[in-house]
N, C-alpha and C. Protein backbone atom coordinates (compact mmCIF):
# COMPACT_ATOMS: atom_id res chain seq x y z
N ASN A 1 -14.81 18.12 26.51
CA ASN A 1 -14.26 19.00 25.49
C ASN A 1 -14.16 18.31 24.13
N SER A 2 -15.06 17.42 23.84
CA SER A 2 -15.06 16.80 22.52
C SER A 2 -16.29 17.26 21.76
N PHE A 3 -16.31 16.98 20.47
CA PHE A 3 -17.38 17.45 19.61
C PHE A 3 -18.13 16.27 19.02
N ARG A 4 -19.25 16.56 18.39
CA ARG A 4 -20.03 15.54 17.70
C ARG A 4 -19.14 14.92 16.63
N ASP A 5 -19.27 13.62 16.48
CA ASP A 5 -18.43 12.93 15.51
C ASP A 5 -19.22 11.77 14.93
N VAL A 6 -18.70 11.16 13.89
CA VAL A 6 -19.31 9.99 13.30
C VAL A 6 -18.24 8.90 13.26
N VAL A 7 -18.60 7.72 13.70
CA VAL A 7 -17.70 6.59 13.66
C VAL A 7 -18.25 5.60 12.65
N TYR A 8 -17.40 5.07 11.79
CA TYR A 8 -17.80 4.05 10.85
C TYR A 8 -17.34 2.70 11.36
N ALA A 9 -18.22 1.70 11.29
CA ALA A 9 -17.90 0.38 11.79
C ALA A 9 -18.51 -0.67 10.87
N ARG A 10 -17.95 -1.87 10.93
CA ARG A 10 -18.53 -3.00 10.23
C ARG A 10 -18.12 -4.28 10.93
N ALA A 11 -18.89 -5.32 10.74
CA ALA A 11 -18.59 -6.62 11.33
C ALA A 11 -17.81 -7.45 10.32
N VAL A 12 -16.78 -8.12 10.80
CA VAL A 12 -15.94 -8.96 9.94
C VAL A 12 -15.74 -10.29 10.64
N ASP A 13 -15.94 -11.39 9.90
CA ASP A 13 -15.73 -12.71 10.49
C ASP A 13 -14.45 -13.38 10.00
N GLY A 14 -13.59 -12.63 9.33
CA GLY A 14 -12.36 -13.18 8.79
C GLY A 14 -12.45 -13.45 7.30
N THR A 15 -13.66 -13.69 6.82
CA THR A 15 -13.87 -13.93 5.40
C THR A 15 -14.85 -12.92 4.82
N ASN A 16 -15.95 -12.74 5.49
CA ASN A 16 -16.99 -11.84 5.03
C ASN A 16 -17.00 -10.57 5.87
N ALA A 17 -17.46 -9.50 5.25
CA ALA A 17 -17.56 -8.22 5.97
C ALA A 17 -18.89 -7.56 5.62
N SER A 18 -19.50 -7.00 6.62
CA SER A 18 -20.76 -6.29 6.40
C SER A 18 -20.47 -4.92 5.79
N PRO A 19 -21.48 -4.25 5.25
CA PRO A 19 -21.27 -2.86 4.81
C PRO A 19 -20.95 -1.97 6.01
N TYR A 20 -20.30 -0.86 5.75
CA TYR A 20 -20.03 0.10 6.81
C TYR A 20 -21.35 0.71 7.29
N VAL A 21 -21.45 0.92 8.57
CA VAL A 21 -22.57 1.65 9.15
C VAL A 21 -21.99 2.85 9.88
N SER A 22 -22.74 3.93 9.92
CA SER A 22 -22.27 5.10 10.65
C SER A 22 -22.95 5.16 12.00
N ILE A 23 -22.15 5.49 12.99
CA ILE A 23 -22.63 5.62 14.36
C ILE A 23 -22.34 7.05 14.78
N ARG A 24 -23.37 7.80 15.06
CA ARG A 24 -23.18 9.19 15.48
C ARG A 24 -22.85 9.24 16.96
N VAL A 25 -21.77 9.93 17.26
CA VAL A 25 -21.32 10.07 18.64
C VAL A 25 -21.60 11.50 19.05
N LEU A 26 -22.37 11.68 20.09
CA LEU A 26 -22.73 13.01 20.54
C LEU A 26 -22.08 13.31 21.88
N SER A 27 -21.61 14.51 22.01
CA SER A 27 -21.16 15.02 23.30
C SER A 27 -21.61 16.46 23.35
N PHE A 28 -21.66 16.99 24.50
CA PHE A 28 -22.19 18.32 24.64
C PHE A 28 -21.06 19.33 24.83
N ALA A 29 -20.70 19.99 23.75
CA ALA A 29 -19.71 21.05 23.79
C ALA A 29 -20.49 22.36 23.87
N PRO A 30 -20.28 23.13 24.91
CA PRO A 30 -21.05 24.37 25.06
C PRO A 30 -20.91 25.30 23.85
N ASP A 31 -22.03 25.86 23.45
CA ASP A 31 -22.10 26.82 22.35
C ASP A 31 -23.09 27.90 22.80
N ALA A 32 -22.60 28.87 23.56
CA ALA A 32 -23.45 29.86 24.22
C ALA A 32 -24.36 30.62 23.26
N ASP A 33 -23.89 30.91 22.05
CA ASP A 33 -24.71 31.70 21.12
C ASP A 33 -25.42 30.83 20.07
N SER A 34 -25.30 29.52 20.17
CA SER A 34 -25.98 28.57 19.28
C SER A 34 -25.74 28.83 17.80
N ASP A 35 -24.51 29.18 17.44
CA ASP A 35 -24.19 29.45 16.04
C ASP A 35 -23.52 28.27 15.35
N GLY A 36 -23.33 27.16 16.07
CA GLY A 36 -22.70 25.99 15.49
C GLY A 36 -21.22 25.88 15.78
N LEU A 37 -20.63 26.95 16.33
CA LEU A 37 -19.21 26.94 16.67
C LEU A 37 -19.06 26.76 18.18
N PRO A 38 -18.45 25.66 18.62
CA PRO A 38 -18.28 25.45 20.05
C PRO A 38 -17.46 26.57 20.69
N ASP A 39 -17.79 26.90 21.91
CA ASP A 39 -17.09 27.97 22.63
C ASP A 39 -15.60 27.68 22.73
N THR A 40 -15.22 26.42 22.97
CA THR A 40 -13.79 26.10 23.09
C THR A 40 -13.05 26.33 21.78
N TRP A 41 -13.69 26.04 20.65
CA TRP A 41 -13.08 26.26 19.33
C TRP A 41 -12.89 27.75 19.09
N MET A 42 -13.92 28.55 19.41
CA MET A 42 -13.83 30.00 19.21
C MET A 42 -12.75 30.60 20.11
N THR A 43 -12.66 30.14 21.34
CA THR A 43 -11.64 30.65 22.26
C THR A 43 -10.26 30.28 21.76
N ASN A 44 -10.11 29.09 21.23
CA ASN A 44 -8.82 28.64 20.70
C ASN A 44 -8.34 29.52 19.55
N TYR A 45 -9.25 29.87 18.62
CA TYR A 45 -8.85 30.62 17.43
C TYR A 45 -9.02 32.13 17.55
N PHE A 46 -10.01 32.60 18.31
CA PHE A 46 -10.29 34.03 18.37
C PHE A 46 -10.05 34.65 19.73
N GLY A 47 -9.65 33.84 20.72
CA GLY A 47 -9.33 34.37 22.03
C GLY A 47 -10.50 34.50 22.98
N ASN A 48 -11.73 34.32 22.48
CA ASN A 48 -12.92 34.37 23.33
C ASN A 48 -14.07 33.69 22.59
N ALA A 49 -15.13 33.41 23.32
CA ALA A 49 -16.28 32.70 22.74
C ALA A 49 -17.39 33.62 22.26
N ASN A 50 -17.21 34.93 22.40
CA ASN A 50 -18.23 35.89 22.00
C ASN A 50 -17.95 36.38 20.58
N PRO A 51 -18.82 36.07 19.60
CA PRO A 51 -18.55 36.49 18.22
C PRO A 51 -18.66 38.00 18.02
N ASN A 52 -19.22 38.71 18.99
CA ASN A 52 -19.35 40.16 18.86
C ASN A 52 -18.09 40.91 19.30
N ILE A 53 -17.14 40.19 19.87
CA ILE A 53 -15.86 40.80 20.26
C ILE A 53 -14.88 40.55 19.13
N GLY A 54 -14.40 41.59 18.52
CA GLY A 54 -13.51 41.47 17.36
C GLY A 54 -14.32 41.40 16.08
N SER A 55 -13.63 41.52 14.97
CA SER A 55 -14.33 41.51 13.68
C SER A 55 -14.23 40.14 13.02
N ASN A 56 -15.26 39.79 12.27
CA ASN A 56 -15.33 38.55 11.51
C ASN A 56 -15.24 37.29 12.37
N HIS A 57 -15.85 37.30 13.54
CA HIS A 57 -15.83 36.14 14.42
C HIS A 57 -17.14 35.36 14.38
N HIS A 58 -18.14 35.81 13.63
CA HIS A 58 -19.41 35.09 13.54
C HIS A 58 -19.25 33.85 12.66
N ALA A 59 -20.16 32.90 12.81
CA ALA A 59 -20.10 31.65 12.05
C ALA A 59 -20.13 31.90 10.54
N SER A 60 -20.90 32.88 10.09
CA SER A 60 -21.03 33.14 8.66
C SER A 60 -19.92 34.03 8.11
N ASP A 61 -19.08 34.59 8.97
CA ASP A 61 -17.96 35.44 8.53
C ASP A 61 -16.81 34.58 8.02
N ASP A 62 -15.91 35.22 7.28
CA ASP A 62 -14.71 34.57 6.76
C ASP A 62 -13.51 35.32 7.31
N PHE A 63 -13.03 34.95 8.48
CA PHE A 63 -11.99 35.69 9.18
C PHE A 63 -10.71 35.85 8.36
N ASP A 64 -10.26 34.77 7.71
CA ASP A 64 -8.98 34.83 6.99
C ASP A 64 -9.12 35.14 5.50
N GLY A 65 -10.35 35.34 5.02
CA GLY A 65 -10.56 35.77 3.64
C GLY A 65 -10.25 34.71 2.59
N ASP A 66 -10.36 33.42 2.95
CA ASP A 66 -10.04 32.36 2.00
C ASP A 66 -11.25 31.83 1.24
N GLY A 67 -12.42 32.41 1.47
CA GLY A 67 -13.62 31.97 0.79
C GLY A 67 -14.41 30.93 1.56
N PHE A 68 -13.93 30.53 2.74
CA PHE A 68 -14.63 29.56 3.58
C PHE A 68 -15.09 30.27 4.85
N SER A 69 -16.36 30.13 5.19
CA SER A 69 -16.87 30.75 6.41
C SER A 69 -16.22 30.09 7.63
N ASN A 70 -16.30 30.77 8.77
CA ASN A 70 -15.75 30.20 10.00
C ASN A 70 -16.43 28.88 10.33
N LEU A 71 -17.73 28.78 10.08
CA LEU A 71 -18.44 27.53 10.32
C LEU A 71 -17.92 26.43 9.40
N ARG A 72 -17.71 26.75 8.13
CA ARG A 72 -17.18 25.76 7.18
C ARG A 72 -15.78 25.32 7.61
N GLU A 73 -14.97 26.27 8.08
CA GLU A 73 -13.61 25.92 8.56
C GLU A 73 -13.69 24.98 9.75
N PHE A 74 -14.64 25.22 10.65
CA PHE A 74 -14.83 24.31 11.78
C PHE A 74 -15.19 22.91 11.29
N LEU A 75 -16.14 22.82 10.35
CA LEU A 75 -16.58 21.53 9.83
C LEU A 75 -15.48 20.81 9.06
N LEU A 76 -14.63 21.56 8.35
CA LEU A 76 -13.53 20.96 7.60
C LEU A 76 -12.33 20.64 8.47
N GLY A 77 -12.29 21.21 9.67
CA GLY A 77 -11.15 20.99 10.54
C GLY A 77 -9.94 21.82 10.16
N THR A 78 -10.18 22.97 9.51
CA THR A 78 -9.08 23.84 9.09
C THR A 78 -8.99 25.04 10.03
N ASP A 79 -7.94 25.81 9.87
CA ASP A 79 -7.65 26.95 10.74
C ASP A 79 -8.30 28.21 10.15
N PRO A 80 -9.26 28.82 10.85
CA PRO A 80 -9.95 30.00 10.30
C PRO A 80 -9.09 31.26 10.32
N THR A 81 -7.92 31.19 10.91
CA THR A 81 -7.03 32.36 10.95
C THR A 81 -5.89 32.25 9.95
N ASN A 82 -5.86 31.17 9.15
CA ASN A 82 -4.78 30.95 8.18
C ASN A 82 -5.41 30.64 6.82
N LYS A 83 -5.30 31.58 5.88
CA LYS A 83 -5.96 31.39 4.59
C LYS A 83 -5.35 30.25 3.77
N ASN A 84 -4.17 29.79 4.13
CA ASN A 84 -3.55 28.67 3.43
C ASN A 84 -3.95 27.31 4.01
N SER A 85 -4.74 27.34 5.06
CA SER A 85 -5.19 26.10 5.70
C SER A 85 -6.57 25.76 5.17
N ASN A 86 -6.61 25.03 4.07
CA ASN A 86 -7.90 24.59 3.54
C ASN A 86 -7.74 23.27 2.81
N LEU A 87 -8.83 22.62 2.61
CA LEU A 87 -8.83 21.30 1.99
C LEU A 87 -8.72 21.47 0.48
N HIS A 88 -7.58 21.02 -0.10
CA HIS A 88 -7.43 21.08 -1.55
C HIS A 88 -6.47 19.98 -2.02
N PHE A 89 -6.60 19.61 -3.28
CA PHE A 89 -5.72 18.60 -3.85
C PHE A 89 -4.31 19.16 -3.99
N THR A 90 -3.31 18.34 -3.68
CA THR A 90 -1.91 18.75 -3.82
C THR A 90 -1.25 18.04 -4.99
N SER A 91 -1.82 16.90 -5.41
CA SER A 91 -1.24 16.15 -6.52
C SER A 91 -2.34 15.31 -7.17
N THR A 92 -2.37 15.32 -8.48
CA THR A 92 -3.34 14.49 -9.19
C THR A 92 -2.64 13.82 -10.37
N THR A 93 -2.86 12.53 -10.52
CA THR A 93 -2.40 11.78 -11.69
C THR A 93 -3.57 10.94 -12.16
N LEU A 94 -3.38 10.18 -13.22
CA LEU A 94 -4.45 9.34 -13.73
C LEU A 94 -4.79 8.21 -12.77
N SER A 95 -3.89 7.90 -11.84
CA SER A 95 -4.15 6.77 -10.94
C SER A 95 -4.13 7.14 -9.46
N GLN A 96 -3.82 8.39 -9.12
CA GLN A 96 -3.73 8.74 -7.70
C GLN A 96 -4.11 10.20 -7.46
N LEU A 97 -4.78 10.43 -6.33
CA LEU A 97 -5.11 11.78 -5.87
C LEU A 97 -4.52 11.95 -4.48
N GLN A 98 -3.97 13.16 -4.21
CA GLN A 98 -3.47 13.48 -2.88
C GLN A 98 -4.01 14.83 -2.48
N TRP A 99 -4.26 15.01 -1.17
CA TRP A 99 -4.75 16.29 -0.66
C TRP A 99 -4.19 16.53 0.72
N GLU A 100 -4.23 17.81 1.13
CA GLU A 100 -3.84 18.16 2.48
C GLU A 100 -4.90 17.62 3.42
N ALA A 101 -4.46 16.91 4.44
CA ALA A 101 -5.41 16.27 5.34
C ALA A 101 -4.94 16.45 6.78
N LYS A 102 -5.75 15.99 7.68
CA LYS A 102 -5.38 15.90 9.09
C LYS A 102 -5.31 14.42 9.43
N GLY A 103 -4.21 14.02 10.01
CA GLY A 103 -4.05 12.62 10.36
C GLY A 103 -5.17 12.12 11.25
N TYR A 104 -5.65 10.93 10.95
CA TYR A 104 -6.68 10.21 11.71
C TYR A 104 -8.06 10.86 11.63
N GLU A 105 -8.25 11.80 10.71
CA GLU A 105 -9.59 12.33 10.45
C GLU A 105 -10.22 11.48 9.35
N LEU A 106 -11.52 11.58 9.19
CA LEU A 106 -12.24 10.73 8.24
C LEU A 106 -12.65 11.54 7.01
N TYR A 107 -12.38 10.99 5.82
CA TYR A 107 -12.68 11.66 4.55
C TYR A 107 -13.44 10.70 3.63
N GLU A 108 -14.14 11.28 2.66
CA GLU A 108 -14.81 10.51 1.61
C GLU A 108 -14.39 11.11 0.26
N LEU A 109 -14.27 10.26 -0.75
CA LEU A 109 -14.00 10.70 -2.11
C LEU A 109 -15.27 10.56 -2.92
N HIS A 110 -15.68 11.65 -3.57
CA HIS A 110 -16.87 11.65 -4.42
C HIS A 110 -16.42 11.92 -5.85
N SER A 111 -17.16 11.38 -6.82
CA SER A 111 -16.84 11.62 -8.23
C SER A 111 -18.11 12.01 -8.98
N SER A 112 -17.89 12.70 -10.11
CA SER A 112 -19.00 13.15 -10.93
C SER A 112 -18.52 13.26 -12.37
N THR A 113 -19.44 13.11 -13.30
CA THR A 113 -19.11 13.35 -14.71
C THR A 113 -19.69 14.66 -15.20
N ASN A 114 -20.52 15.33 -14.36
CA ASN A 114 -21.19 16.54 -14.83
C ASN A 114 -21.21 17.68 -13.80
N LEU A 115 -20.58 17.52 -12.67
CA LEU A 115 -20.51 18.51 -11.59
C LEU A 115 -21.86 18.79 -10.90
N SER A 116 -22.88 18.04 -11.26
CA SER A 116 -24.15 18.24 -10.56
C SER A 116 -24.61 16.98 -9.83
N THR A 117 -24.29 15.82 -10.34
CA THR A 117 -24.63 14.55 -9.68
C THR A 117 -23.34 13.93 -9.16
N TRP A 118 -23.28 13.77 -7.85
CA TRP A 118 -22.06 13.24 -7.21
C TRP A 118 -22.33 11.86 -6.63
N THR A 119 -21.35 10.99 -6.72
CA THR A 119 -21.43 9.64 -6.18
C THR A 119 -20.27 9.41 -5.23
N ARG A 120 -20.58 8.85 -4.08
CA ARG A 120 -19.49 8.53 -3.14
C ARG A 120 -18.70 7.38 -3.75
N ARG A 121 -17.42 7.63 -3.95
CA ARG A 121 -16.55 6.65 -4.61
C ARG A 121 -15.82 5.78 -3.59
N LEU A 122 -15.26 6.41 -2.56
CA LEU A 122 -14.53 5.68 -1.52
C LEU A 122 -14.86 6.25 -0.16
N SER A 123 -15.06 5.36 0.79
CA SER A 123 -15.34 5.78 2.15
C SER A 123 -15.17 4.58 3.04
N PRO A 124 -14.66 4.67 4.19
CA PRO A 124 -13.96 5.83 4.73
C PRO A 124 -12.49 5.84 4.31
N ILE A 125 -11.92 7.02 4.27
CA ILE A 125 -10.49 7.20 4.02
C ILE A 125 -9.94 7.86 5.27
N ILE A 126 -8.98 7.23 5.91
CA ILE A 126 -8.42 7.76 7.15
C ILE A 126 -6.91 7.88 6.98
N PRO A 127 -6.41 9.07 6.60
CA PRO A 127 -4.97 9.26 6.46
C PRO A 127 -4.27 9.18 7.82
N LEU A 128 -3.07 8.65 7.83
CA LEU A 128 -2.30 8.57 9.06
C LEU A 128 -1.37 9.77 9.23
N THR A 129 -1.23 10.57 8.17
CA THR A 129 -0.36 11.74 8.21
C THR A 129 -1.13 12.95 7.68
N SER A 130 -0.42 14.01 7.35
CA SER A 130 -1.06 15.22 6.83
C SER A 130 -1.33 15.14 5.33
N VAL A 131 -1.11 13.97 4.74
CA VAL A 131 -1.37 13.76 3.32
C VAL A 131 -2.42 12.67 3.16
N GLY A 132 -3.56 13.03 2.58
CA GLY A 132 -4.57 12.05 2.23
C GLY A 132 -4.31 11.57 0.83
N SER A 133 -4.56 10.31 0.57
CA SER A 133 -4.24 9.76 -0.74
C SER A 133 -5.15 8.60 -1.09
N VAL A 134 -5.54 8.51 -2.36
CA VAL A 134 -6.24 7.35 -2.89
C VAL A 134 -5.57 6.94 -4.18
N SER A 135 -5.50 5.65 -4.41
CA SER A 135 -4.87 5.10 -5.62
C SER A 135 -5.86 4.24 -6.36
N ASN A 136 -5.44 3.76 -7.51
CA ASN A 136 -6.25 2.84 -8.31
C ASN A 136 -7.61 3.41 -8.66
N ILE A 137 -7.62 4.63 -9.14
CA ILE A 137 -8.87 5.25 -9.57
C ILE A 137 -8.97 5.29 -11.09
N SER A 138 -8.06 4.59 -11.78
CA SER A 138 -8.02 4.64 -13.23
C SER A 138 -9.16 3.88 -13.90
N ASP A 139 -9.95 3.13 -13.14
CA ASP A 139 -11.06 2.38 -13.74
C ASP A 139 -12.30 3.23 -13.96
N LEU A 140 -12.20 4.51 -13.69
CA LEU A 140 -13.34 5.41 -13.89
C LEU A 140 -13.47 5.82 -15.34
N SER A 141 -14.60 6.42 -15.69
CA SER A 141 -14.78 6.89 -17.06
C SER A 141 -13.77 8.00 -17.37
N PRO A 142 -13.52 8.28 -18.65
CA PRO A 142 -12.46 9.22 -19.03
C PRO A 142 -12.62 10.64 -18.47
N LYS A 143 -13.85 11.12 -18.36
CA LYS A 143 -14.06 12.47 -17.84
C LYS A 143 -14.64 12.37 -16.44
N GLN A 144 -13.86 12.73 -15.46
CA GLN A 144 -14.29 12.65 -14.07
C GLN A 144 -13.88 13.90 -13.31
N PHE A 145 -14.72 14.31 -12.41
CA PHE A 145 -14.44 15.37 -11.46
C PHE A 145 -14.42 14.71 -10.08
N PHE A 146 -13.56 15.22 -9.20
CA PHE A 146 -13.47 14.64 -7.87
C PHE A 146 -13.61 15.71 -6.82
N ARG A 147 -14.11 15.30 -5.68
CA ARG A 147 -14.09 16.16 -4.50
C ARG A 147 -13.86 15.27 -3.29
N VAL A 148 -13.13 15.82 -2.34
CA VAL A 148 -12.89 15.13 -1.08
C VAL A 148 -13.66 15.88 -0.02
N ILE A 149 -14.36 15.14 0.81
CA ILE A 149 -15.16 15.75 1.87
C ILE A 149 -14.67 15.21 3.20
N LYS A 150 -14.41 16.11 4.13
CA LYS A 150 -14.09 15.69 5.49
C LYS A 150 -15.40 15.40 6.19
N VAL A 151 -15.51 14.22 6.74
CA VAL A 151 -16.73 13.84 7.44
C VAL A 151 -16.64 14.41 8.84
N PRO A 152 -17.63 15.23 9.23
CA PRO A 152 -17.54 15.87 10.56
C PRO A 152 -17.65 14.88 11.69
């Protein structure tokens, strides 16, 4: 009953550390209709694994009307039945960003100066509580845009 995941690892000898490498972990979670939503996830949120039972249960539908498809909610780890459950910043200052997170999930911070070219700024970020946070970002250029991405 687990899903595909990515683990980040690196070798450390006490002084030196290698770059992070990603290791894809695969498990087989049944998905009878091959829409990208595991049957167990659909049953948990919609009461059954058949997207044709009930309205707005397909992967491309937006059950709670928050602008995120059910598939996107699955990938973000948010609740597709609660429109207030989505990934967004809760506090921003010149030196710190905070967002609603899930404890022990993996996130990346990306930055941009033009909203079209994005650069991964920090990775991995693993909050221990429901608040994700990064500090010491004041060394960036004066005009910056940020986005936080939950790594599936």
